[in-house]
Amino acid sequence: MEGMSTTDHSFTEAAILSGIVNAGQETIGPEAARSLLAFSFSAAQEARMRDLIEKNAAGSISDQERAELESYARVGSFLSLLHSKARLALNRSTT
């Protein structure tokens, strides 16, 4: 895997998982789609994200906290993708 760095954004966890979701989108049934829509961050995670966002905006975020915030952002992107695919599957099942 020469030339591939861990910071290459084309190989992020979200991009890799997105490919998996796209490959299986036609097989998502209504029940599975509703289950996917139930996935979300916990209240504690949402509070932590707000704290990190505020620290970032104030310029007082540490490198470790910035990495944590970026991880939340990647997971959030993937969760949004899952929710989109689930909504599409539900729309297909009602047409």
PDB file of N, CA and C in Angstrom:
ATOM      1  N   MET A   1       0.831  -1.175   0.000  1.00  0.00           N
ATOM      2  CA  MET A   1       0.000   0.000   0.000  1.00  0.00           C
ATOM      3  C   MET A   1       0.877   1.239   0.000  1.00  0.00           C
ATOM      4  N   GLU A   2       1.820   1.211  -0.825  1.00  0.00           N
ATOM      5  CA  GLU A   2       2.764   2.308  -0.948  1.00  0.00           C
ATOM      6  C   GLU A   2       2.050   3.588  -1.370  1.00  0.00           C
ATOM      7  N   GLY A   3       2.454   4.687  -0.755  1.00  0.00           N
ATOM      8  CA  GLY A   3       1.899   5.978  -1.121  1.00  0.00           C
ATOM      9  C   GLY A   3       0.597   6.316  -0.421  1.00  0.00           C
ATOM     10  N   MET A   4       0.055   5.372   0.360  1.00  0.00           N
ATOM     11  CA  MET A   4      -1.204   5.621   1.042  1.00  0.00           C
ATOM     12  C   MET A   4      -0.899   6.028   2.476  1.00  0.00           C
ATOM     13  N   SER A   5      -1.313   7.206   2.863  1.00  0.00           N
ATOM     14  CA  SER A   5      -1.084   7.647   4.232  1.00  0.00           C
ATOM     15  C   SER A   5      -2.372   7.509   5.019  1.00  0.00           C
ATOM     16  N   THR A   6      -2.247   7.524   6.342  1.00  0.00           N
ATOM     17  CA  THR A   6      -3.434   7.410   7.184  1.00  0.00           C
ATOM     18  C   THR A   6      -4.257   8.682   7.171  1.00  0.00           C
ATOM     19  N   THR A   7      -3.717   9.767   6.624  1.00  0.00           N
ATOM     20  CA  THR A   7      -4.478  11.010   6.567  1.00  0.00           C
ATOM     21  C   THR A   7      -5.087  11.244   5.192  1.00  0.00           C
ATOM     22  N   ASP A   8      -4.944  10.314   4.268  1.00  0.00           N
ATOM     23  CA  ASP A   8      -5.527  10.423   2.935  1.00  0.00           C
ATOM     24  C   ASP A   8      -7.043  10.304   3.066  1.00  0.00           C
ATOM     25  N   HIS A   9      -7.768  11.388   2.779  1.00  0.00           N
ATOM     26  CA  HIS A   9      -9.205  11.432   3.021  1.00  0.00           C
ATOM     27  C   HIS A   9     -10.013  10.495   2.124  1.00  0.00           C
ATOM     28  N   SER A  10      -9.434   9.996   1.035  1.00  0.00           N
ATOM     29  CA  SER A  10     -10.169   9.066   0.195  1.00  0.00           C
ATOM     30  C   SER A  10     -10.273   7.692   0.854  1.00  0.00           C
ATOM     31  N   PHE A  11      -9.537   7.490   1.947  1.00  0.00           N
ATOM     32  CA  PHE A  11      -9.552   6.210   2.637  1.00  0.00           C
ATOM     33  C   PHE A  11     -10.040   6.358   4.078  1.00  0.00           C
ATOM     34  N   THR A  12     -10.890   7.342   4.325  1.00  0.00           N
ATOM     35  CA  THR A  12     -11.435   7.514   5.666  1.00  0.00           C
ATOM     36  C   THR A  12     -12.415   6.402   5.981  1.00  0.00           C
ATOM     37  N   GLU A  13     -12.662   6.222   7.257  1.00  0.00           N
ATOM     38  CA  GLU A  13     -13.626   5.207   7.667  1.00  0.00           C
ATOM     39  C   GLU A  13     -14.985   5.455   7.016  1.00  0.00           C
ATOM     40  N   ALA A  14     -15.402   6.709   6.982  1.00  0.00           N
ATOM     41  CA  ALA A  14     -16.707   7.027   6.392  1.00  0.00           C
ATOM     42  C   ALA A  14     -16.753   6.688   4.907  1.00  0.00           C
ATOM     43  N   ALA A  15     -15.675   6.966   4.176  1.00  0.00           N
ATOM     44  CA  ALA A  15     -15.648   6.669   2.745  1.00  0.00           C
ATOM     45  C   ALA A  15     -15.700   5.164   2.499  1.00  0.00           C
ATOM     46  N   ILE A  16     -14.978   4.416   3.306  1.00  0.00           N
ATOM     47  CA  ILE A  16     -14.970   2.962   3.153  1.00  0.00           C
ATOM     48  C   ILE A  16     -16.351   2.390   3.492  1.00  0.00           C
ATOM     49  N   LEU A  17     -16.924   2.829   4.610  1.00  0.00           N
ATOM     50  CA  LEU A  17     -18.241   2.340   5.002  1.00  0.00           C
ATOM     51  C   LEU A  17     -19.321   2.783   4.025  1.00  0.00           C
ATOM     52  N   SER A  18     -19.151   3.956   3.442  1.00  0.00           N
ATOM     53  CA  SER A  18     -20.093   4.447   2.440  1.00  0.00           C
ATOM     54  C   SER A  18     -20.161   3.480   1.258  1.00  0.00           C
ATOM     55  N   GLY A  19     -19.017   2.984   0.830  1.00  0.00           N
ATOM     56  CA  GLY A  19     -18.985   2.008  -0.261  1.00  0.00           C
ATOM     57  C   GLY A  19     -19.747   0.744   0.088  1.00  0.00           C
ATOM     58  N   ILE A  20     -19.618   0.320   1.336  1.00  0.00           N
ATOM     59  CA  ILE A  20     -20.326  -0.880   1.788  1.00  0.00           C
ATOM     60  C   ILE A  20     -21.837  -0.629   1.779  1.00  0.00           C
ATOM     61  N   VAL A  21     -22.250   0.514   2.301  1.00  0.00           N
ATOM     62  CA  VAL A  21     -23.681   0.841   2.347  1.00  0.00           C
ATOM     63  C   VAL A  21     -24.234   0.960   0.937  1.00  0.00           C
ATOM     64  N   ASN A  22     -23.505   1.619   0.044  1.00  0.00           N
ATOM     65  CA  ASN A  22     -23.974   1.774  -1.335  1.00  0.00           C
ATOM     66  C   ASN A  22     -24.133   0.424  -2.009  1.00  0.00           C
ATOM     67  N   ALA A  23     -23.234  -0.511  -1.725  1.00  0.00           N
ATOM     68  CA  ALA A  23     -23.302  -1.830  -2.351  1.00  0.00           C
ATOM     69  C   ALA A  23     -24.534  -2.608  -1.890  1.00  0.00           C
ATOM     70  N   GLY A  24     -25.003  -2.370  -0.659  1.00  0.00           N
ATOM     71  CA  GLY A  24     -26.123  -3.137  -0.139  1.00  0.00           C
ATOM     72  C   GLY A  24     -27.426  -2.395  -0.062  1.00  0.00           C
ATOM     73  N   GLN A  25     -27.498  -1.211  -0.662  1.00  0.00           N
ATOM     74  CA  GLN A  25     -28.694  -0.379  -0.483  1.00  0.00           C
ATOM     75  C   GLN A  25     -29.963  -0.994  -1.049  1.00  0.00           C
ATOM     76  N   GLU A  26     -29.882  -1.786  -2.071  1.00  0.00           N
ATOM     77  CA  GLU A  26     -31.090  -2.376  -2.671  1.00  0.00           C
ATOM     78  C   GLU A  26     -31.696  -3.468  -1.795  1.00  0.00           C
ATOM     79  N   THR A  27     -30.931  -3.968  -0.824  1.00  0.00           N
ATOM     80  CA  THR A  27     -31.420  -5.070   0.002  1.00  0.00           C
ATOM     81  C   THR A  27     -31.970  -4.607   1.349  1.00  0.00           C
ATOM     82  N   ILE A  28     -32.017  -3.309   1.583  1.00  0.00           N
ATOM     83  CA  ILE A  28     -32.533  -2.801   2.851  1.00  0.00           C
ATOM     84  C   ILE A  28     -34.054  -2.834   2.800  1.00  0.00           C
ATOM     85  N   GLY A  29     -34.648  -3.653   3.658  1.00  0.00           N
ATOM     86  CA  GLY A  29     -36.099  -3.731   3.732  1.00  0.00           C
ATOM     87  C   GLY A  29     -36.647  -2.669   4.673  1.00  0.00           C
ATOM     88  N   PRO A  30     -37.975  -2.505   4.675  1.00  0.00           N
ATOM     89  CA  PRO A  30     -38.593  -1.468   5.511  1.00  0.00           C
ATOM     90  C   PRO A  30     -38.267  -1.606   7.003  1.00  0.00           C
ATOM     91  N   GLU A  31     -38.286  -2.820   7.517  1.00  0.00           N
ATOM     92  CA  GLU A  31     -38.006  -3.017   8.948  1.00  0.00           C
ATOM     93  C   GLU A  31     -36.563  -2.649   9.271  1.00  0.00           C
ATOM     94  N   ALA A  32     -35.640  -3.076   8.425  1.00  0.00           N
ATOM     95  CA  ALA A  32     -34.234  -2.726   8.635  1.00  0.00           C
ATOM     96  C   ALA A  32     -34.034  -1.219   8.509  1.00  0.00           C
ATOM     97  N   ALA A  33     -34.720  -0.601   7.557  1.00  0.00           N
ATOM     98  CA  ALA A  33     -34.597   0.842   7.362  1.00  0.00           C
ATOM     99  C   ALA A  33     -35.061   1.593   8.604  1.00  0.00           C
ATOM    100  N   ARG A  34     -36.182   1.164   9.176  1.00  0.00           N
ATOM    101  CA  ARG A  34     -36.666   1.818  10.399  1.00  0.00           C
ATOM    102  C   ARG A  34     -35.677   1.628  11.547  1.00  0.00           C
ATOM    103  N   SER A  35     -35.055   0.471  11.616  1.00  0.00           N
ATOM    104  CA  SER A  35     -34.046   0.229  12.653  1.00  0.00           C
ATOM    105  C   SER A  35     -32.843   1.139  12.466  1.00  0.00           C
ATOM    106  N   LEU A  36     -32.416   1.318  11.218  1.00  0.00           N
ATOM    107  CA  LEU A  36     -31.277   2.203  10.949  1.00  0.00           C
ATOM    108  C   LEU A  36     -31.584   3.644  11.338  1.00  0.00           C
ATOM    109  N   LEU A  37     -32.818   4.069  11.126  1.00  0.00           N
ATOM    110  CA  LEU A  37     -33.206   5.439  11.481  1.00  0.00           C
ATOM    111  C   LEU A  37     -33.192   5.665  12.994  1.00  0.00           C
ATOM    112  N   ALA A  38     -33.244   4.591  13.766  1.00  0.00           N
ATOM    113  CA  ALA A  38     -33.212   4.712  15.228  1.00  0.00           C
ATOM    114  C   ALA A  38     -31.792   4.933  15.746  1.00  0.00           C
ATOM    115  N   PHE A  39     -30.772   4.663  14.926  1.00  0.00           N
ATOM    116  CA  PHE A  39     -29.395   4.875  15.359  1.00  0.00           C
ATOM    117  C   PHE A  39     -29.123   6.364  15.492  1.00  0.00           C
ATOM    118  N   SER A  40     -28.589   6.767  16.637  1.00  0.00           N
ATOM    119  CA  SER A  40     -28.245   8.173  16.829  1.00  0.00           C
ATOM    120  C   SER A  40     -27.229   8.294  17.953  1.00  0.00           C
ATOM    121  N   PHE A  41     -26.666   9.486  18.069  1.00  0.00           N
ATOM    122  CA  PHE A  41     -25.758   9.757  19.171  1.00  0.00           C
ATOM    123  C   PHE A  41     -26.554   9.808  20.467  1.00  0.00           C
ATOM    124  N   SER A  42     -25.923   9.421  21.556  1.00  0.00           N
ATOM    125  CA  SER A  42     -26.568   9.526  22.865  1.00  0.00           C
ATOM    126  C   SER A  42     -26.568  10.987  23.308  1.00  0.00           C
ATOM    127  N   ALA A  43     -27.359  11.279  24.324  1.00  0.00           N
ATOM    128  CA  ALA A  43     -27.398  12.645  24.865  1.00  0.00           C
ATOM    129  C   ALA A  43     -26.021  13.049  25.376  1.00  0.00           C
ATOM    130  N   ALA A  44     -25.310  12.133  26.010  1.00  0.00           N
ATOM    131  CA  ALA A  44     -23.963  12.435  26.515  1.00  0.00           C
ATOM    132  C   ALA A  44     -23.003  12.743  25.363  1.00  0.00           C
ATOM    133  N   GLN A  45     -23.113  11.987  24.275  1.00  0.00           N
ATOM    134  CA  GLN A  45     -22.255  12.244  23.115  1.00  0.00           C
ATOM    135  C   GLN A  45     -22.576  13.592  22.485  1.00  0.00           C
ATOM    136  N   GLU A  46     -23.851  13.929  22.397  1.00  0.00           N
ATOM    137  CA  GLU A  46     -24.238  15.227  21.840  1.00  0.00           C
ATOM    138  C   GLU A  46     -23.708  16.367  22.707  1.00  0.00           C
ATOM    139  N   ALA A  47     -23.770  16.193  24.028  1.00  0.00           N
ATOM    140  CA  ALA A  47     -23.240  17.211  24.936  1.00  0.00           C
ATOM    141  C   ALA A  47     -21.731  17.346  24.753  1.00  0.00           C
ATOM    142  N   ARG A  48     -21.054  16.233  24.598  1.00  0.00           N
ATOM    143  CA  ARG A  48     -19.601  16.269  24.392  1.00  0.00           C
ATOM    144  C   ARG A  48     -19.271  16.984  23.083  1.00  0.00           C
ATOM    145  N   MET A  49     -20.018  16.692  22.029  1.00  0.00           N
ATOM    146  CA  MET A  49     -19.777  17.357  20.750  1.00  0.00           C
ATOM    147  C   MET A  49     -19.974  18.864  20.872  1.00  0.00           C
ATOM    148  N   ARG A  50     -21.038  19.279  21.564  1.00  0.00           N
ATOM    149  CA  ARG A  50     -21.268  20.720  21.767  1.00  0.00           C
ATOM    150  C   ARG A  50     -20.100  21.357  22.508  1.00  0.00           C
ATOM    151  N   ASP A  51     -19.602  20.678  23.533  1.00  0.00           N
ATOM    152  CA  ASP A  51     -18.460  21.182  24.300  1.00  0.00           C
ATOM    153  C   ASP A  51     -17.233  21.333  23.397  1.00  0.00           C
ATOM    154  N   LEU A  52     -16.975  20.306  22.588  1.00  0.00           N
ATOM    155  CA  LEU A  52     -15.823  20.358  21.691  1.00  0.00           C
ATOM    156  C   LEU A  52     -15.981  21.455  20.640  1.00  0.00           C
ATOM    157  N   ILE A  53     -17.176  21.626  20.118  1.00  0.00           N
ATOM    158  CA  ILE A  53     -17.440  22.672  19.118  1.00  0.00           C
ATOM    159  C   ILE A  53     -17.213  24.048  19.731  1.00  0.00           C
ATOM    160  N   GLU A  54     -17.678  24.237  20.967  1.00  0.00           N
ATOM    161  CA  GLU A  54     -17.476  25.523  21.646  1.00  0.00           C
ATOM    162  C   GLU A  54     -15.991  25.794  21.883  1.00  0.00           C
ATOM    163  N   LYS A  55     -15.264  24.766  22.321  1.00  0.00           N
ATOM    164  CA  LYS A  55     -13.815  24.926  22.532  1.00  0.00           C
ATOM    165  C   LYS A  55     -13.117  25.244  21.220  1.00  0.00           C
ATOM    166  N   ASN A  56     -13.538  24.595  20.154  1.00  0.00           N
ATOM    167  CA  ASN A  56     -12.934  24.843  18.848  1.00  0.00           C
ATOM    168  C   ASN A  56     -13.186  26.274  18.399  1.00  0.00           C
ATOM    169  N   ALA A  57     -14.421  26.733  18.575  1.00  0.00           N
ATOM    170  CA  ALA A  57     -14.788  28.096  18.178  1.00  0.00           C
ATOM    171  C   ALA A  57     -14.027  29.136  18.995  1.00  0.00           C
ATOM    172  N   ALA A  58     -13.762  28.811  20.258  1.00  0.00           N
ATOM    173  CA  ALA A  58     -13.039  29.746  21.131  1.00  0.00           C
ATOM    174  C   ALA A  58     -11.531  29.660  20.937  1.00  0.00           C
ATOM    175  N   GLY A  59     -11.084  28.666  20.178  1.00  0.00           N
ATOM    176  CA  GLY A  59      -9.651  28.491  19.954  1.00  0.00           C
ATOM    177  C   GLY A  59      -8.933  27.874  21.134  1.00  0.00           C
ATOM    178  N   SER A  60      -9.667  27.219  22.010  1.00  0.00           N
ATOM    179  CA  SER A  60      -9.050  26.629  23.199  1.00  0.00           C
ATOM    180  C   SER A  60      -9.067  25.103  23.176  1.00  0.00           C
ATOM    181  N   ILE A  61      -9.204  24.532  22.007  1.00  0.00           N
ATOM    182  CA  ILE A  61      -9.278  23.071  21.866  1.00  0.00           C
ATOM    183  C   ILE A  61      -7.861  22.494  21.772  1.00  0.00           C
ATOM    184  N   SER A  62      -7.646  21.372  22.451  1.00  0.00           N
ATOM    185  CA  SER A  62      -6.344  20.703  22.380  1.00  0.00           C
ATOM    186  C   SER A  62      -6.278  19.844  21.116  1.00  0.00           C
ATOM    187  N   ASP A  63      -5.096  19.382  20.777  1.00  0.00           N
ATOM    188  CA  ASP A  63      -4.948  18.508  19.609  1.00  0.00           C
ATOM    189  C   ASP A  63      -5.747  17.222  19.787  1.00  0.00           C
ATOM    190  N   GLN A  64      -5.730  16.670  20.995  1.00  0.00           N
ATOM    191  CA  GLN A  64      -6.470  15.444  21.261  1.00  0.00           C
ATOM    192  C   GLN A  64      -7.976  15.682  21.131  1.00  0.00           C
ATOM    193  N   GLU A  65      -8.444  16.810  21.645  1.00  0.00           N
ATOM    194  CA  GLU A  65      -9.865  17.138  21.534  1.00  0.00           C
ATOM    195  C   GLU A  65     -10.250  17.391  20.086  1.00  0.00           C
ATOM    196  N   ARG A  66      -9.364  18.018  19.310  1.00  0.00           N
ATOM    197  CA  ARG A  66      -9.646  18.245  17.891  1.00  0.00           C
ATOM    198  C   ARG A  66      -9.781  16.908  17.159  1.00  0.00           C
ATOM    199  N   ALA A  67      -8.919  15.966  17.478  1.00  0.00           N
ATOM    200  CA  ALA A  67      -9.001  14.634  16.866  1.00  0.00           C
ATOM    201  C   ALA A  67     -10.318  13.954  17.243  1.00  0.00           C
ATOM    202  N   GLU A  68     -10.728  14.131  18.496  1.00  0.00           N
ATOM    203  CA  GLU A  68     -12.006  13.568  18.947  1.00  0.00           C
ATOM    204  C   GLU A  68     -13.171  14.196  18.184  1.00  0.00           C
ATOM    205  N   LEU A  69     -13.135  15.522  18.029  1.00  0.00           N
ATOM    206  CA  LEU A  69     -14.179  16.227  17.287  1.00  0.00           C
ATOM    207  C   LEU A  69     -14.224  15.753  15.838  1.00  0.00           C
ATOM    208  N   GLU A  70     -13.070  15.561  15.232  1.00  0.00           N
ATOM    209  CA  GLU A  70     -13.021  15.058  13.856  1.00  0.00           C
ATOM    210  C   GLU A  70     -13.597  13.646  13.772  1.00  0.00           C
ATOM    211  N   SER A  71     -13.361  12.835  14.784  1.00  0.00           N
ATOM    212  CA  SER A  71     -13.936  11.484  14.811  1.00  0.00           C
ATOM    213  C   SER A  71     -15.457  11.547  14.886  1.00  0.00           C
ATOM    214  N   TYR A  72     -15.964  12.430  15.747  1.00  0.00           N
ATOM    215  CA  TYR A  72     -17.413  12.611  15.815  1.00  0.00           C
ATOM    216  C   TYR A  72     -17.962  13.060  14.460  1.00  0.00           C
ATOM    217  N   ALA A  73     -17.256  13.947  13.793  1.00  0.00           N
ATOM    218  CA  ALA A  73     -17.718  14.438  12.489  1.00  0.00           C
ATOM    219  C   ALA A  73     -17.762  13.303  11.463  1.00  0.00           C
ATOM    220  N   ARG A  74     -16.744  12.444  11.459  1.00  0.00           N
ATOM    221  CA  ARG A  74     -16.738  11.322  10.509  1.00  0.00           C
ATOM    222  C   ARG A  74     -17.883  10.353  10.795  1.00  0.00           C
ATOM    223  N   VAL A  75     -18.077  10.045  12.074  1.00  0.00           N
ATOM    224  CA  VAL A  75     -19.167   9.140  12.435  1.00  0.00           C
ATOM    225  C   VAL A  75     -20.515   9.783  12.095  1.00  0.00           C
ATOM    226  N   GLY A  76     -20.638  11.085  12.342  1.00  0.00           N
ATOM    227  CA  GLY A  76     -21.866  11.798  11.998  1.00  0.00           C
ATOM    228  C   GLY A  76     -22.153  11.756  10.517  1.00  0.00           C
ATOM    229  N   SER A  77     -21.115  11.891   9.705  1.00  0.00           N
ATOM    230  CA  SER A  77     -21.292  11.810   8.249  1.00  0.00           C
ATOM    231  C   SER A  77     -21.788  10.429   7.846  1.00  0.00           C
ATOM    232  N   PHE A  78     -21.206   9.409   8.446  1.00  0.00           N
ATOM    233  CA  PHE A  78     -21.631   8.053   8.130  1.00  0.00           C
ATOM    234  C   PHE A  78     -23.067   7.817   8.597  1.00  0.00           C
ATOM    235  N   LEU A  79     -23.403   8.310   9.783  1.00  0.00           N
ATOM    236  CA  LEU A  79     -24.756   8.161  10.290  1.00  0.00           C
ATOM    237  C   LEU A  79     -25.760   8.857   9.377  1.00  0.00           C
ATOM    238  N   SER A  80     -25.405  10.022   8.872  1.00  0.00           N
ATOM    239  CA  SER A  80     -26.270  10.738   7.920  1.00  0.00           C
ATOM    240  C   SER A  80     -26.466   9.921   6.648  1.00  0.00           C
ATOM    241  N   LEU A  81     -25.405   9.315   6.167  1.00  0.00           N
ATOM    242  CA  LEU A  81     -25.493   8.463   4.986  1.00  0.00           C
ATOM    243  C   LEU A  81     -26.427   7.282   5.246  1.00  0.00           C
ATOM    244  N   LEU A  82     -26.265   6.626   6.393  1.00  0.00           N
ATOM    245  CA  LEU A  82     -27.148   5.503   6.731  1.00  0.00           C
ATOM    246  C   LEU A  82     -28.606   5.941   6.774  1.00  0.00           C
ATOM    247  N   HIS A  83     -28.844   7.078   7.409  1.00  0.00           N
ATOM    248  CA  HIS A  83     -30.219   7.578   7.495  1.00  0.00           C
ATOM    249  C   HIS A  83     -30.787   7.892   6.109  1.00  0.00           C
ATOM    250  N   SER A  84     -29.970   8.471   5.245  1.00  0.00           N
ATOM    251  CA  SER A  84     -30.417   8.764   3.874  1.00  0.00           C
ATOM    252  C   SER A  84     -30.802   7.493   3.136  1.00  0.00           C
ATOM    253  N   LYS A  85     -29.939   6.501   3.233  1.00  0.00           N
ATOM    254  CA  LYS A  85     -30.208   5.230   2.550  1.00  0.00           C
ATOM    255  C   LYS A  85     -31.456   4.571   3.122  1.00  0.00           C
ATOM    256  N   ALA A  86     -31.644   4.676   4.431  1.00  0.00           N
ATOM    257  CA  ALA A  86     -32.830   4.094   5.053  1.00  0.00           C
ATOM    258  C   ALA A  86     -34.090   4.801   4.571  1.00  0.00           C
ATOM    259  N   ARG A  87     -34.047   6.130   4.499  1.00  0.00           N
ATOM    260  CA  ARG A  87     -35.222   6.867   4.012  1.00  0.00           C
ATOM    261  C   ARG A  87     -35.529   6.515   2.555  1.00  0.00           C
ATOM    262  N   LEU A  88     -34.496   6.371   1.740  1.00  0.00           N
ATOM    263  CA  LEU A  88     -34.704   5.960   0.344  1.00  0.00           C
ATOM    264  C   LEU A  88     -35.346   4.583   0.276  1.00  0.00           C
ATOM    265  N   ALA A  89     -34.876   3.677   1.116  1.00  0.00           N
ATOM    266  CA  ALA A  89     -35.447   2.326   1.121  1.00  0.00           C
ATOM    267  C   ALA A  89     -36.912   2.367   1.543  1.00  0.00           C
ATOM    268  N   LEU A  90     -37.236   3.189   2.532  1.00  0.00           N
ATOM    269  CA  LEU A  90     -38.638   3.307   2.945  1.00  0.00           C
ATOM    270  C   LEU A  90     -39.486   3.908   1.847  1.00  0.00           C
ATOM    271  N   ASN A  91     -38.962   4.901   1.141  1.00  0.00           N
ATOM    272  CA  ASN A  91     -39.701   5.506   0.018  1.00  0.00           C
ATOM    273  C   ASN A  91     -39.936   4.486  -1.082  1.00  0.00           C
ATOM    274  N   ARG A  92     -38.929   3.644  -1.368  1.00  0.00           N
ATOM    275  CA  ARG A  92     -39.081   2.603  -2.401  1.00  0.00           C
ATOM    276  C   ARG A  92     -40.140   1.596  -2.000  1.00  0.00           C
ATOM    277  N   SER A  93     -40.225   1.293  -0.698  1.00  0.00           N
ATOM    278  CA  SER A  93     -41.176   0.270  -0.249  1.00  0.00           C
ATOM    279  C   SER A  93     -42.622   0.752  -0.261  1.00  0.00           C
ATOM    280  N   THR A  94     -42.817   2.074  -0.315  1.00  0.00           N
ATOM    281  CA  THR A  94     -44.183   2.610  -0.313  1.00  0.00           C
ATOM    282  C   THR A  94     -44.657   2.979  -1.706  1.00  0.00           C
ATOM    283  N   THR A  95     -43.807   2.828  -2.711  1.00  0.00           N
ATOM    284  CA  THR A  95     -44.208   3.181  -4.084  1.00  0.00           C
ATOM    285  C   THR A  95     -44.549   1.961  -4.887  1.00  0.00           C
TER     286      THR A  95
END
